[in-house]
N, C-alpha and C. Protein backbone atom coordinates (compact mmCIF):
# COMPACT_ATOMS: atom_id res chain seq x y z
N UNK A 1 -90.03 166.12 -232.48
CA UNK A 1 -90.98 166.99 -231.78
C UNK A 1 -90.77 166.87 -230.27
N UNK A 2 -90.01 167.77 -229.70
CA UNK A 2 -89.76 167.73 -228.26
C UNK A 2 -90.77 168.55 -227.46
N UNK A 3 -91.52 169.43 -228.11
CA UNK A 3 -92.50 170.23 -227.40
C UNK A 3 -93.80 169.48 -227.19
N UNK A 4 -94.69 170.08 -226.39
CA UNK A 4 -96.01 169.49 -226.20
C UNK A 4 -96.79 169.51 -227.52
N UNK A 5 -97.65 168.51 -227.69
CA UNK A 5 -98.33 168.29 -228.97
C UNK A 5 -99.84 168.23 -228.77
N UNK A 6 -100.58 168.87 -229.67
CA UNK A 6 -102.03 168.70 -229.75
C UNK A 6 -102.34 167.96 -231.04
N UNK A 7 -103.00 166.80 -230.92
CA UNK A 7 -103.46 166.02 -232.08
C UNK A 7 -104.96 166.23 -232.19
N UNK A 8 -105.43 166.74 -233.32
CA UNK A 8 -106.85 167.05 -233.42
C UNK A 8 -107.39 166.67 -234.79
N UNK A 9 -108.66 166.30 -234.82
CA UNK A 9 -109.32 165.91 -236.06
C UNK A 9 -110.61 165.18 -235.77
N UNK A 10 -111.36 164.92 -236.82
CA UNK A 10 -112.63 164.23 -236.71
C UNK A 10 -112.42 162.76 -236.30
N UNK A 11 -113.52 162.09 -235.93
CA UNK A 11 -113.48 160.66 -235.64
C UNK A 11 -112.98 159.89 -236.85
N UNK A 12 -112.09 158.92 -236.62
CA UNK A 12 -111.53 158.05 -237.65
C UNK A 12 -110.76 158.81 -238.72
N UNK A 13 -110.22 159.96 -238.36
CA UNK A 13 -109.41 160.72 -239.31
C UNK A 13 -107.94 160.29 -239.28
N UNK A 14 -107.55 159.55 -238.24
CA UNK A 14 -106.17 159.06 -238.16
C UNK A 14 -105.41 159.55 -236.94
N UNK A 15 -106.03 160.40 -236.12
CA UNK A 15 -105.27 161.02 -235.02
C UNK A 15 -104.85 160.02 -233.95
N UNK A 16 -105.73 159.07 -233.59
CA UNK A 16 -105.35 158.10 -232.55
C UNK A 16 -104.27 157.16 -233.06
N UNK A 17 -104.36 156.78 -234.34
CA UNK A 17 -103.31 155.95 -234.93
C UNK A 17 -101.97 156.68 -234.91
N UNK A 18 -101.99 157.97 -235.22
CA UNK A 18 -100.76 158.76 -235.19
C UNK A 18 -100.22 158.83 -233.77
N UNK A 19 -101.12 158.99 -232.79
CA UNK A 19 -100.69 158.98 -231.40
C UNK A 19 -100.04 157.67 -231.02
N UNK A 20 -100.56 156.56 -231.54
CA UNK A 20 -99.98 155.25 -231.26
C UNK A 20 -98.59 155.13 -231.88
N UNK A 21 -98.39 155.73 -233.05
CA UNK A 21 -97.05 155.75 -233.66
C UNK A 21 -96.07 156.52 -232.78
N UNK A 22 -96.49 157.70 -232.30
CA UNK A 22 -95.62 158.46 -231.38
C UNK A 22 -95.32 157.65 -230.13
N UNK A 23 -96.31 156.94 -229.63
CA UNK A 23 -96.16 156.11 -228.43
C UNK A 23 -95.11 155.02 -228.67
N UNK A 24 -95.24 154.32 -229.77
CA UNK A 24 -94.35 153.18 -230.06
C UNK A 24 -92.92 153.63 -230.33
N UNK A 25 -92.75 154.79 -230.98
CA UNK A 25 -91.42 155.21 -231.42
C UNK A 25 -90.69 156.11 -230.43
N UNK A 26 -91.35 156.55 -229.37
CA UNK A 26 -90.68 157.42 -228.40
C UNK A 26 -89.53 156.66 -227.74
N UNK A 27 -88.33 157.25 -227.64
CA UNK A 27 -87.17 156.51 -227.13
C UNK A 27 -87.17 156.24 -225.63
N UNK A 28 -87.99 156.94 -224.87
CA UNK A 28 -88.03 156.74 -223.42
C UNK A 28 -89.31 156.09 -222.97
N UNK A 29 -89.72 156.40 -221.76
CA UNK A 29 -90.98 155.89 -221.20
C UNK A 29 -92.14 156.62 -221.88
N UNK A 30 -93.12 155.85 -222.36
CA UNK A 30 -94.31 156.45 -222.97
C UNK A 30 -95.55 155.80 -222.39
N UNK A 31 -96.49 156.64 -221.97
CA UNK A 31 -97.70 156.18 -221.30
C UNK A 31 -98.90 156.67 -222.10
N UNK A 32 -99.72 155.73 -222.57
CA UNK A 32 -100.90 156.08 -223.36
C UNK A 32 -102.13 155.93 -222.49
N UNK A 33 -102.80 157.05 -222.22
CA UNK A 33 -104.04 157.04 -221.44
C UNK A 33 -105.18 156.70 -222.40
N UNK A 34 -105.61 155.43 -222.34
CA UNK A 34 -106.51 154.86 -223.33
C UNK A 34 -107.95 154.99 -222.85
N UNK A 35 -108.60 156.06 -223.27
CA UNK A 35 -109.93 156.39 -222.76
C UNK A 35 -111.03 155.53 -223.36
N UNK A 36 -110.88 155.16 -224.64
CA UNK A 36 -111.96 154.47 -225.35
C UNK A 36 -111.64 153.03 -225.73
N UNK A 37 -110.60 152.45 -225.13
CA UNK A 37 -110.27 151.06 -225.44
C UNK A 37 -109.73 150.86 -226.84
N UNK A 38 -109.01 151.84 -227.37
CA UNK A 38 -108.42 151.72 -228.70
C UNK A 38 -107.31 150.68 -228.70
N UNK A 39 -107.00 150.17 -229.89
CA UNK A 39 -105.89 149.22 -230.02
C UNK A 39 -104.58 150.01 -229.93
N UNK A 40 -103.86 149.79 -228.86
CA UNK A 40 -102.66 150.59 -228.57
C UNK A 40 -101.51 149.65 -228.22
N UNK A 41 -100.33 150.02 -228.68
CA UNK A 41 -99.12 149.26 -228.41
C UNK A 41 -98.75 149.35 -226.93
N UNK A 42 -98.14 148.28 -226.39
CA UNK A 42 -97.57 148.35 -225.05
C UNK A 42 -98.25 147.46 -224.04
N UNK A 43 -97.68 147.45 -222.84
CA UNK A 43 -98.16 146.62 -221.74
C UNK A 43 -99.45 147.21 -221.17
N UNK A 44 -100.51 146.40 -221.14
CA UNK A 44 -101.80 146.88 -220.64
C UNK A 44 -101.84 146.88 -219.12
N UNK A 45 -102.42 147.94 -218.57
CA UNK A 45 -102.64 147.99 -217.13
C UNK A 45 -103.92 148.79 -216.87
N UNK A 46 -104.56 148.52 -215.76
CA UNK A 46 -105.76 149.25 -215.37
C UNK A 46 -105.51 149.97 -214.06
N UNK A 47 -105.90 151.23 -214.01
CA UNK A 47 -105.71 151.99 -212.78
C UNK A 47 -104.23 152.20 -212.50
N UNK A 48 -103.91 152.31 -211.21
CA UNK A 48 -102.53 152.64 -210.82
C UNK A 48 -101.83 151.55 -210.04
N UNK A 49 -102.53 150.49 -209.65
CA UNK A 49 -101.93 149.49 -208.76
C UNK A 49 -100.75 148.78 -209.43
N UNK A 50 -100.83 148.53 -210.74
CA UNK A 50 -99.76 147.83 -211.45
C UNK A 50 -98.97 148.78 -212.35
N UNK A 51 -99.20 150.07 -212.19
CA UNK A 51 -98.62 151.04 -213.12
C UNK A 51 -97.09 151.04 -213.07
N UNK A 52 -96.52 151.15 -211.89
CA UNK A 52 -95.05 151.23 -211.76
C UNK A 52 -94.40 149.97 -212.31
N UNK A 53 -94.98 148.82 -212.02
CA UNK A 53 -94.42 147.55 -212.52
C UNK A 53 -94.48 147.50 -214.04
N UNK A 54 -95.57 148.01 -214.61
CA UNK A 54 -95.71 148.02 -216.07
C UNK A 54 -94.66 148.90 -216.72
N UNK A 55 -94.36 150.05 -216.12
CA UNK A 55 -93.33 150.94 -216.66
C UNK A 55 -91.97 150.27 -216.66
N UNK A 56 -91.64 149.59 -215.56
CA UNK A 56 -90.35 148.89 -215.46
C UNK A 56 -90.29 147.76 -216.47
N UNK A 57 -91.41 147.07 -216.65
CA UNK A 57 -91.43 145.88 -217.50
C UNK A 57 -91.28 146.22 -218.97
N UNK A 58 -91.95 147.26 -219.45
CA UNK A 58 -91.97 147.47 -220.90
C UNK A 58 -91.60 148.87 -221.36
N UNK A 59 -91.69 149.88 -220.51
CA UNK A 59 -91.44 151.29 -220.85
C UNK A 59 -92.48 151.85 -221.83
N UNK A 60 -93.36 151.01 -222.34
CA UNK A 60 -94.48 151.45 -223.18
C UNK A 60 -95.74 150.91 -222.53
N UNK A 61 -96.56 151.79 -221.94
CA UNK A 61 -97.67 151.36 -221.10
C UNK A 61 -98.99 151.86 -221.69
N UNK A 62 -99.95 150.96 -221.77
CA UNK A 62 -101.29 151.23 -222.28
C UNK A 62 -102.24 151.18 -221.09
N UNK A 63 -102.62 152.35 -220.58
CA UNK A 63 -103.46 152.43 -219.37
C UNK A 63 -104.93 152.45 -219.79
N UNK A 64 -105.65 151.38 -219.49
CA UNK A 64 -107.07 151.28 -219.81
C UNK A 64 -107.86 151.98 -218.72
N UNK A 65 -108.64 152.97 -219.11
CA UNK A 65 -109.33 153.81 -218.13
C UNK A 65 -110.78 153.35 -217.92
N UNK A 66 -111.33 153.56 -216.72
CA UNK A 66 -112.72 153.20 -216.45
C UNK A 66 -113.68 154.17 -217.15
N UNK A 67 -114.97 153.84 -217.11
CA UNK A 67 -115.96 154.69 -217.77
C UNK A 67 -116.30 155.94 -216.95
N UNK A 68 -116.21 155.85 -215.64
CA UNK A 68 -116.59 156.98 -214.79
C UNK A 68 -115.62 158.15 -214.99
N UNK A 69 -116.11 159.33 -215.38
CA UNK A 69 -115.21 160.44 -215.69
C UNK A 69 -114.41 160.95 -214.51
N UNK A 70 -115.00 160.97 -213.32
CA UNK A 70 -114.26 161.44 -212.15
C UNK A 70 -113.18 160.44 -211.77
N UNK A 71 -113.49 159.14 -211.84
CA UNK A 71 -112.49 158.11 -211.56
C UNK A 71 -111.32 158.23 -212.53
N UNK A 72 -111.61 158.48 -213.79
CA UNK A 72 -110.55 158.65 -214.79
C UNK A 72 -109.62 159.79 -214.40
N UNK A 73 -110.21 160.92 -214.04
CA UNK A 73 -109.41 162.09 -213.72
C UNK A 73 -108.55 161.86 -212.49
N UNK A 74 -109.07 161.15 -211.51
CA UNK A 74 -108.30 160.88 -210.29
C UNK A 74 -107.16 159.90 -210.58
N UNK A 75 -107.41 158.91 -211.42
CA UNK A 75 -106.34 157.98 -211.80
C UNK A 75 -105.22 158.71 -212.52
N UNK A 76 -105.59 159.57 -213.47
CA UNK A 76 -104.57 160.32 -214.20
C UNK A 76 -103.79 161.24 -213.26
N UNK A 77 -104.45 161.80 -212.28
CA UNK A 77 -103.75 162.66 -211.32
C UNK A 77 -102.75 161.84 -210.49
N UNK A 78 -103.12 160.62 -210.12
CA UNK A 78 -102.19 159.75 -209.39
C UNK A 78 -100.99 159.41 -210.26
N UNK A 79 -101.23 159.13 -211.54
CA UNK A 79 -100.14 158.84 -212.47
C UNK A 79 -99.23 160.06 -212.60
N UNK A 80 -99.83 161.24 -212.70
CA UNK A 80 -99.05 162.48 -212.79
C UNK A 80 -98.15 162.65 -211.58
N UNK A 81 -98.69 162.43 -210.39
CA UNK A 81 -97.90 162.57 -209.16
C UNK A 81 -96.74 161.58 -209.16
N UNK A 82 -97.00 160.35 -209.60
CA UNK A 82 -95.94 159.33 -209.64
C UNK A 82 -94.84 159.74 -210.62
N UNK A 83 -95.21 160.21 -211.79
CA UNK A 83 -94.22 160.62 -212.79
C UNK A 83 -93.40 161.80 -212.30
N UNK A 84 -94.05 162.79 -211.68
CA UNK A 84 -93.31 163.94 -211.18
C UNK A 84 -92.36 163.56 -210.05
N UNK A 85 -92.74 162.58 -209.24
CA UNK A 85 -91.81 162.10 -208.20
C UNK A 85 -90.60 161.43 -208.83
N UNK A 86 -90.82 160.61 -209.85
CA UNK A 86 -89.70 159.98 -210.54
C UNK A 86 -88.79 161.04 -211.16
N UNK A 87 -89.39 162.11 -211.68
CA UNK A 87 -88.60 163.14 -212.35
C UNK A 87 -87.63 163.83 -211.40
N UNK A 88 -88.00 163.92 -210.12
CA UNK A 88 -87.12 164.59 -209.16
C UNK A 88 -85.79 163.87 -209.00
N UNK A 89 -85.76 162.57 -209.31
CA UNK A 89 -84.52 161.80 -209.17
C UNK A 89 -83.58 161.98 -210.35
N UNK A 90 -84.03 162.67 -211.39
CA UNK A 90 -83.21 162.84 -212.58
C UNK A 90 -82.45 164.17 -212.51
N UNK A 91 -81.28 164.21 -213.16
CA UNK A 91 -80.40 165.36 -213.05
C UNK A 91 -80.74 166.50 -214.01
N UNK A 92 -81.14 166.17 -215.23
CA UNK A 92 -81.37 167.22 -216.23
C UNK A 92 -82.37 166.71 -217.26
N UNK A 93 -82.88 167.66 -218.06
CA UNK A 93 -83.90 167.32 -219.05
C UNK A 93 -83.55 167.96 -220.39
N UNK A 94 -82.39 167.60 -220.94
CA UNK A 94 -82.02 168.13 -222.25
C UNK A 94 -83.06 167.72 -223.30
N UNK A 95 -83.55 166.50 -223.18
CA UNK A 95 -84.65 166.01 -224.01
C UNK A 95 -85.64 165.32 -223.08
N UNK A 96 -86.91 165.24 -223.45
CA UNK A 96 -87.88 164.58 -222.58
C UNK A 96 -87.53 163.11 -222.34
N UNK A 97 -87.63 162.68 -221.10
CA UNK A 97 -87.38 161.27 -220.76
C UNK A 97 -88.68 160.47 -220.74
N UNK A 98 -89.81 161.19 -220.69
CA UNK A 98 -91.11 160.54 -220.57
C UNK A 98 -92.13 161.28 -221.44
N UNK A 99 -93.05 160.51 -221.98
CA UNK A 99 -94.14 161.06 -222.79
C UNK A 99 -95.46 160.54 -222.25
N UNK A 100 -96.44 161.42 -222.11
CA UNK A 100 -97.78 161.02 -221.69
C UNK A 100 -98.75 161.41 -222.80
N UNK A 101 -99.47 160.42 -223.32
CA UNK A 101 -100.43 160.64 -224.40
C UNK A 101 -101.82 160.45 -223.82
N UNK A 102 -102.67 161.46 -223.95
CA UNK A 102 -104.01 161.42 -223.36
C UNK A 102 -105.05 161.47 -224.46
N UNK A 103 -105.72 160.34 -224.70
CA UNK A 103 -106.80 160.30 -225.68
C UNK A 103 -108.06 160.92 -225.07
N UNK A 104 -108.82 161.62 -225.91
CA UNK A 104 -110.01 162.37 -225.44
C UNK A 104 -109.61 163.33 -224.31
N UNK A 105 -108.59 164.12 -224.58
CA UNK A 105 -108.01 164.99 -223.54
C UNK A 105 -109.01 165.96 -222.95
N UNK A 106 -110.02 166.34 -223.73
CA UNK A 106 -111.01 167.30 -223.22
C UNK A 106 -111.83 166.71 -222.07
N UNK A 107 -111.87 165.39 -221.94
CA UNK A 107 -112.61 164.78 -220.83
C UNK A 107 -111.85 164.90 -219.50
N UNK A 108 -110.56 165.18 -219.58
CA UNK A 108 -109.74 165.33 -218.38
C UNK A 108 -109.40 166.80 -218.10
N UNK A 109 -109.47 167.62 -219.13
CA UNK A 109 -109.08 169.03 -219.01
C UNK A 109 -110.09 169.87 -219.78
N UNK A 110 -111.27 170.03 -219.19
CA UNK A 110 -112.39 170.71 -219.84
C UNK A 110 -112.44 172.17 -219.40
N UNK A 111 -113.01 173.00 -220.27
CA UNK A 111 -113.20 174.40 -219.90
C UNK A 111 -114.06 174.54 -218.65
N UNK A 112 -115.05 173.65 -218.50
CA UNK A 112 -115.90 173.65 -217.31
C UNK A 112 -115.38 172.58 -216.36
N UNK A 113 -114.54 172.97 -215.44
CA UNK A 113 -113.89 172.02 -214.54
C UNK A 113 -114.88 171.44 -213.54
N UNK A 114 -114.62 170.19 -213.14
CA UNK A 114 -115.40 169.56 -212.08
C UNK A 114 -114.78 169.99 -210.75
N UNK A 115 -115.57 170.64 -209.91
CA UNK A 115 -115.06 171.18 -208.65
C UNK A 115 -114.46 170.07 -207.79
N UNK A 116 -113.26 170.32 -207.29
CA UNK A 116 -112.60 169.37 -206.39
C UNK A 116 -111.85 168.26 -207.08
N UNK A 117 -111.88 168.23 -208.42
CA UNK A 117 -111.17 167.18 -209.17
C UNK A 117 -109.98 167.83 -209.88
N UNK A 118 -108.76 167.37 -209.65
CA UNK A 118 -107.58 168.02 -210.23
C UNK A 118 -107.50 167.82 -211.74
N UNK A 119 -106.92 168.80 -212.41
CA UNK A 119 -106.72 168.76 -213.86
C UNK A 119 -105.27 168.38 -214.14
N UNK A 120 -105.01 167.07 -214.24
CA UNK A 120 -103.64 166.60 -214.43
C UNK A 120 -103.11 166.97 -215.81
N UNK A 121 -103.97 167.01 -216.82
CA UNK A 121 -103.52 167.34 -218.17
C UNK A 121 -102.97 168.77 -218.19
N UNK A 122 -103.67 169.69 -217.54
CA UNK A 122 -103.17 171.07 -217.48
C UNK A 122 -101.84 171.13 -216.75
N UNK A 123 -101.67 170.33 -215.70
CA UNK A 123 -100.39 170.30 -214.98
C UNK A 123 -99.27 169.81 -215.89
N UNK A 124 -99.54 168.77 -216.68
CA UNK A 124 -98.53 168.30 -217.64
C UNK A 124 -98.21 169.40 -218.65
N UNK A 125 -99.24 170.11 -219.12
CA UNK A 125 -99.04 171.14 -220.14
C UNK A 125 -98.22 172.31 -219.62
N UNK A 126 -98.45 172.70 -218.37
CA UNK A 126 -97.79 173.90 -217.83
C UNK A 126 -96.48 173.60 -217.12
N UNK A 127 -96.32 172.39 -216.58
CA UNK A 127 -95.15 172.08 -215.76
C UNK A 127 -94.32 170.92 -216.29
N UNK A 128 -94.86 170.16 -217.24
CA UNK A 128 -94.24 168.91 -217.64
C UNK A 128 -92.84 169.04 -218.18
N UNK A 129 -92.64 169.89 -219.18
CA UNK A 129 -91.32 169.98 -219.81
C UNK A 129 -90.32 170.70 -218.93
N UNK A 130 -90.68 171.87 -218.44
CA UNK A 130 -89.73 172.68 -217.68
C UNK A 130 -89.32 172.08 -216.36
N UNK A 131 -90.27 171.47 -215.65
CA UNK A 131 -90.00 170.98 -214.30
C UNK A 131 -89.72 169.49 -214.22
N UNK A 132 -90.21 168.73 -215.22
CA UNK A 132 -90.14 167.27 -215.08
C UNK A 132 -89.62 166.54 -216.30
N UNK A 133 -89.39 167.22 -217.41
CA UNK A 133 -88.91 166.54 -218.61
C UNK A 133 -89.92 165.60 -219.21
N UNK A 134 -91.20 165.96 -219.12
CA UNK A 134 -92.28 165.11 -219.60
C UNK A 134 -93.01 165.82 -220.74
N UNK A 135 -93.11 165.15 -221.88
CA UNK A 135 -93.83 165.72 -223.02
C UNK A 135 -95.27 165.22 -223.01
N UNK A 136 -96.21 166.15 -223.21
CA UNK A 136 -97.63 165.82 -223.30
C UNK A 136 -98.07 165.78 -224.75
N UNK A 137 -98.82 164.74 -225.10
CA UNK A 137 -99.52 164.67 -226.38
C UNK A 137 -101.01 164.56 -226.05
N UNK A 138 -101.77 165.59 -226.37
CA UNK A 138 -103.21 165.61 -226.08
C UNK A 138 -103.98 165.36 -227.38
N UNK A 139 -104.86 164.36 -227.35
CA UNK A 139 -105.66 164.00 -228.53
C UNK A 139 -107.10 164.42 -228.28
N UNK A 140 -107.67 165.18 -229.21
CA UNK A 140 -109.06 165.60 -229.03
C UNK A 140 -109.73 165.90 -230.37
N UNK A 141 -111.00 165.55 -230.44
CA UNK A 141 -111.83 165.95 -231.57
C UNK A 141 -112.47 167.31 -231.31
N UNK A 142 -112.42 167.75 -230.05
CA UNK A 142 -113.16 168.95 -229.64
C UNK A 142 -112.23 169.98 -229.01
N UNK A 143 -111.39 170.64 -229.80
CA UNK A 143 -110.44 171.60 -229.22
C UNK A 143 -111.12 172.78 -228.53
N UNK A 144 -112.35 173.11 -228.94
CA UNK A 144 -113.04 174.25 -228.34
C UNK A 144 -113.39 174.00 -226.88
N UNK A 145 -113.56 172.73 -226.49
CA UNK A 145 -113.91 172.42 -225.10
C UNK A 145 -112.69 172.10 -224.25
N UNK A 146 -111.52 171.99 -224.87
CA UNK A 146 -110.30 171.75 -224.10
C UNK A 146 -109.96 173.01 -223.31
N UNK A 147 -109.53 172.82 -222.07
CA UNK A 147 -109.17 173.94 -221.21
C UNK A 147 -108.23 174.91 -221.94
N UNK A 148 -108.52 176.19 -221.88
CA UNK A 148 -107.75 177.18 -222.64
C UNK A 148 -106.28 177.19 -222.24
N UNK A 149 -105.99 177.11 -220.95
CA UNK A 149 -104.59 177.09 -220.50
C UNK A 149 -103.87 175.87 -221.05
N UNK A 150 -104.54 174.72 -221.02
CA UNK A 150 -103.95 173.51 -221.59
C UNK A 150 -103.66 173.71 -223.06
N UNK A 151 -104.66 174.17 -223.80
CA UNK A 151 -104.53 174.28 -225.26
C UNK A 151 -103.42 175.25 -225.65
N UNK A 152 -103.31 176.38 -224.97
CA UNK A 152 -102.31 177.37 -225.34
C UNK A 152 -100.89 176.92 -225.00
N UNK A 153 -100.75 175.89 -224.18
CA UNK A 153 -99.43 175.36 -223.86
C UNK A 153 -99.07 174.13 -224.69
N UNK A 154 -99.80 173.92 -225.79
CA UNK A 154 -99.52 172.84 -226.73
C UNK A 154 -99.11 173.47 -228.06
N UNK A 155 -97.83 173.86 -228.22
CA UNK A 155 -97.44 174.68 -229.37
C UNK A 155 -97.37 173.93 -230.69
N UNK A 156 -97.21 172.61 -230.64
CA UNK A 156 -97.15 171.82 -231.88
C UNK A 156 -98.54 171.25 -232.13
N UNK A 157 -99.16 171.63 -233.23
CA UNK A 157 -100.51 171.16 -233.55
C UNK A 157 -100.44 170.24 -234.76
N UNK A 158 -100.95 169.03 -234.60
CA UNK A 158 -101.03 168.07 -235.71
C UNK A 158 -102.50 167.97 -236.11
N UNK A 159 -102.80 168.41 -237.32
CA UNK A 159 -104.18 168.44 -237.80
C UNK A 159 -104.46 167.27 -238.72
N UNK A 160 -105.45 166.47 -238.37
CA UNK A 160 -106.10 165.61 -239.34
C UNK A 160 -107.37 166.36 -239.76
N UNK A 161 -108.27 165.73 -240.50
CA UNK A 161 -109.46 166.46 -240.96
C UNK A 161 -110.19 167.09 -239.78
N UNK A 162 -110.18 168.42 -239.63
CA UNK A 162 -110.79 169.05 -238.46
C UNK A 162 -112.31 169.17 -238.54
N UNK A 163 -112.90 168.91 -239.73
CA UNK A 163 -114.34 169.10 -239.88
C UNK A 163 -114.70 170.57 -239.91
N UNK A 164 -115.94 170.86 -240.28
CA UNK A 164 -116.36 172.26 -240.44
C UNK A 164 -116.24 173.07 -239.15
N UNK A 165 -116.68 172.47 -238.02
CA UNK A 165 -116.62 173.20 -236.75
C UNK A 165 -115.18 173.45 -236.34
N UNK A 166 -114.33 172.44 -236.54
CA UNK A 166 -112.92 172.61 -236.19
C UNK A 166 -112.24 173.67 -237.03
N UNK A 167 -112.54 173.67 -238.33
CA UNK A 167 -111.96 174.68 -239.22
C UNK A 167 -112.35 176.08 -238.76
N UNK A 168 -113.63 176.26 -238.45
CA UNK A 168 -114.09 177.57 -238.01
C UNK A 168 -113.45 177.98 -236.69
N UNK A 169 -113.31 177.01 -235.78
CA UNK A 169 -112.69 177.30 -234.48
C UNK A 169 -111.26 177.80 -234.68
N UNK A 170 -110.47 177.11 -235.49
CA UNK A 170 -109.08 177.49 -235.67
C UNK A 170 -108.95 178.78 -236.47
N UNK A 171 -109.87 179.02 -237.39
CA UNK A 171 -109.87 180.31 -238.08
C UNK A 171 -110.13 181.44 -237.09
N UNK A 172 -111.06 181.22 -236.18
CA UNK A 172 -111.36 182.24 -235.17
C UNK A 172 -110.16 182.50 -234.27
N UNK A 173 -109.28 181.51 -234.14
CA UNK A 173 -108.05 181.67 -233.35
C UNK A 173 -106.90 182.23 -234.18
N UNK A 174 -107.22 182.65 -235.41
CA UNK A 174 -106.23 183.25 -236.32
C UNK A 174 -105.07 182.31 -236.59
N UNK A 175 -105.37 181.03 -236.74
CA UNK A 175 -104.34 180.03 -237.05
C UNK A 175 -103.84 180.24 -238.47
N UNK A 176 -102.53 180.46 -238.68
CA UNK A 176 -102.02 180.69 -240.03
C UNK A 176 -102.23 179.48 -240.94
N UNK A 177 -102.46 179.75 -242.23
CA UNK A 177 -102.54 178.72 -243.26
C UNK A 177 -103.70 177.74 -243.05
N UNK A 178 -104.76 178.16 -242.35
CA UNK A 178 -105.84 177.23 -242.05
C UNK A 178 -106.56 176.75 -243.31
N UNK A 179 -106.67 177.60 -244.33
CA UNK A 179 -107.33 177.18 -245.56
C UNK A 179 -106.54 176.05 -246.23
N UNK A 180 -105.23 176.18 -246.27
CA UNK A 180 -104.39 175.13 -246.87
C UNK A 180 -104.47 173.84 -246.06
N UNK A 181 -104.47 173.97 -244.73
CA UNK A 181 -104.58 172.80 -243.86
C UNK A 181 -105.91 172.10 -244.09
N UNK A 182 -107.00 172.87 -244.14
CA UNK A 182 -108.33 172.29 -244.33
C UNK A 182 -108.44 171.56 -245.66
N UNK A 183 -107.92 172.17 -246.72
CA UNK A 183 -107.99 171.54 -248.04
C UNK A 183 -107.17 170.25 -248.08
N UNK A 184 -105.97 170.29 -247.52
CA UNK A 184 -105.08 169.12 -247.57
C UNK A 184 -105.63 167.95 -246.76
N UNK A 185 -106.18 168.23 -245.59
CA UNK A 185 -106.59 167.15 -244.68
C UNK A 185 -107.98 166.58 -245.01
N UNK A 186 -108.64 167.11 -246.04
CA UNK A 186 -109.92 166.50 -246.45
C UNK A 186 -109.70 165.07 -246.94
N UNK A 187 -108.51 164.80 -247.49
CA UNK A 187 -108.18 163.44 -247.91
C UNK A 187 -107.86 162.62 -246.66
N UNK A 188 -108.54 161.48 -246.50
CA UNK A 188 -108.40 160.69 -245.28
C UNK A 188 -106.94 160.32 -245.03
N UNK A 189 -106.53 160.48 -243.78
CA UNK A 189 -105.19 160.16 -243.26
C UNK A 189 -104.12 161.17 -243.68
N UNK A 190 -104.46 162.15 -244.52
CA UNK A 190 -103.53 163.26 -244.71
C UNK A 190 -103.48 164.08 -243.43
N UNK A 191 -102.34 164.68 -243.15
CA UNK A 191 -102.25 165.51 -241.95
C UNK A 191 -101.28 166.65 -242.17
N UNK A 192 -101.35 167.61 -241.26
CA UNK A 192 -100.49 168.79 -241.31
C UNK A 192 -99.93 169.04 -239.91
N UNK A 193 -98.67 169.43 -239.85
CA UNK A 193 -98.05 169.79 -238.58
C UNK A 193 -97.79 171.30 -238.58
N UNK A 194 -98.37 171.97 -237.60
CA UNK A 194 -98.28 173.42 -237.48
C UNK A 194 -97.51 173.77 -236.21
N UNK A 195 -96.42 174.51 -236.36
CA UNK A 195 -95.63 174.94 -235.20
C UNK A 195 -95.20 176.38 -235.44
N UNK A 196 -95.60 177.24 -234.51
CA UNK A 196 -95.38 178.67 -234.66
C UNK A 196 -96.08 179.12 -235.95
N UNK A 197 -95.35 179.62 -236.93
CA UNK A 197 -96.00 180.02 -238.19
C UNK A 197 -95.64 179.09 -239.33
N UNK A 198 -94.99 177.99 -239.01
CA UNK A 198 -94.56 177.03 -240.03
C UNK A 198 -95.59 175.91 -240.14
N UNK A 199 -95.95 175.54 -241.37
CA UNK A 199 -96.88 174.44 -241.61
C UNK A 199 -96.25 173.48 -242.61
N UNK A 200 -96.29 172.20 -242.26
CA UNK A 200 -95.81 171.16 -243.18
C UNK A 200 -96.95 170.18 -243.44
N UNK A 201 -97.16 169.87 -244.71
CA UNK A 201 -98.24 168.99 -245.13
C UNK A 201 -97.69 167.61 -245.44
N UNK A 202 -98.39 166.58 -244.97
CA UNK A 202 -97.95 165.20 -245.17
C UNK A 202 -99.08 164.39 -245.80
N UNK A 203 -98.71 163.52 -246.73
CA UNK A 203 -99.69 162.66 -247.40
C UNK A 203 -99.65 161.28 -246.79
N UNK A 204 -100.74 160.89 -246.17
CA UNK A 204 -100.92 159.59 -245.52
C UNK A 204 -99.96 159.44 -244.33
N UNK A 205 -100.24 158.41 -243.53
CA UNK A 205 -99.41 158.12 -242.36
C UNK A 205 -98.24 157.24 -242.76
């Protein structure tokens, strides 16, 4: 999966665990924006002061975020600027060299933006692959509140149990095969990967 990814589903449906698998197995630099203190693989760091050193040390970084929502967004924006600066030193992006995984992505890229606070997730979604060779993985239980521009630039959708509201939301978006996805993902940890009009169903992680 080289394109941007949306991981969505109910609480404890398996989406964060799946994100951690993508984090651990990515061949390049992978940064997990850990909003809720989940158990995540990699070198732990807080804020941005030790971020560059953590990337050099392990290439798999678990960024523990503060509780304040504005502080979180500003930290992620600083990380975005640092990654984009690093990207300028690279010659080409045949495959992504870096992956950024954002848990609770709707808290950083909401339909109702906080005035004066940059939306780094939307920047990754719109500029990450083409300009910087960075793949975004956005994790959310609430796709309806995720910024529309961000969401539409996440072509690979990984569905765990979306719940009744999630099912209705995706049906309203004319998502193909939504009935089959909903039926399959009712079983805990089952998931479906939807890309363009293709859907693949998987049993357990």
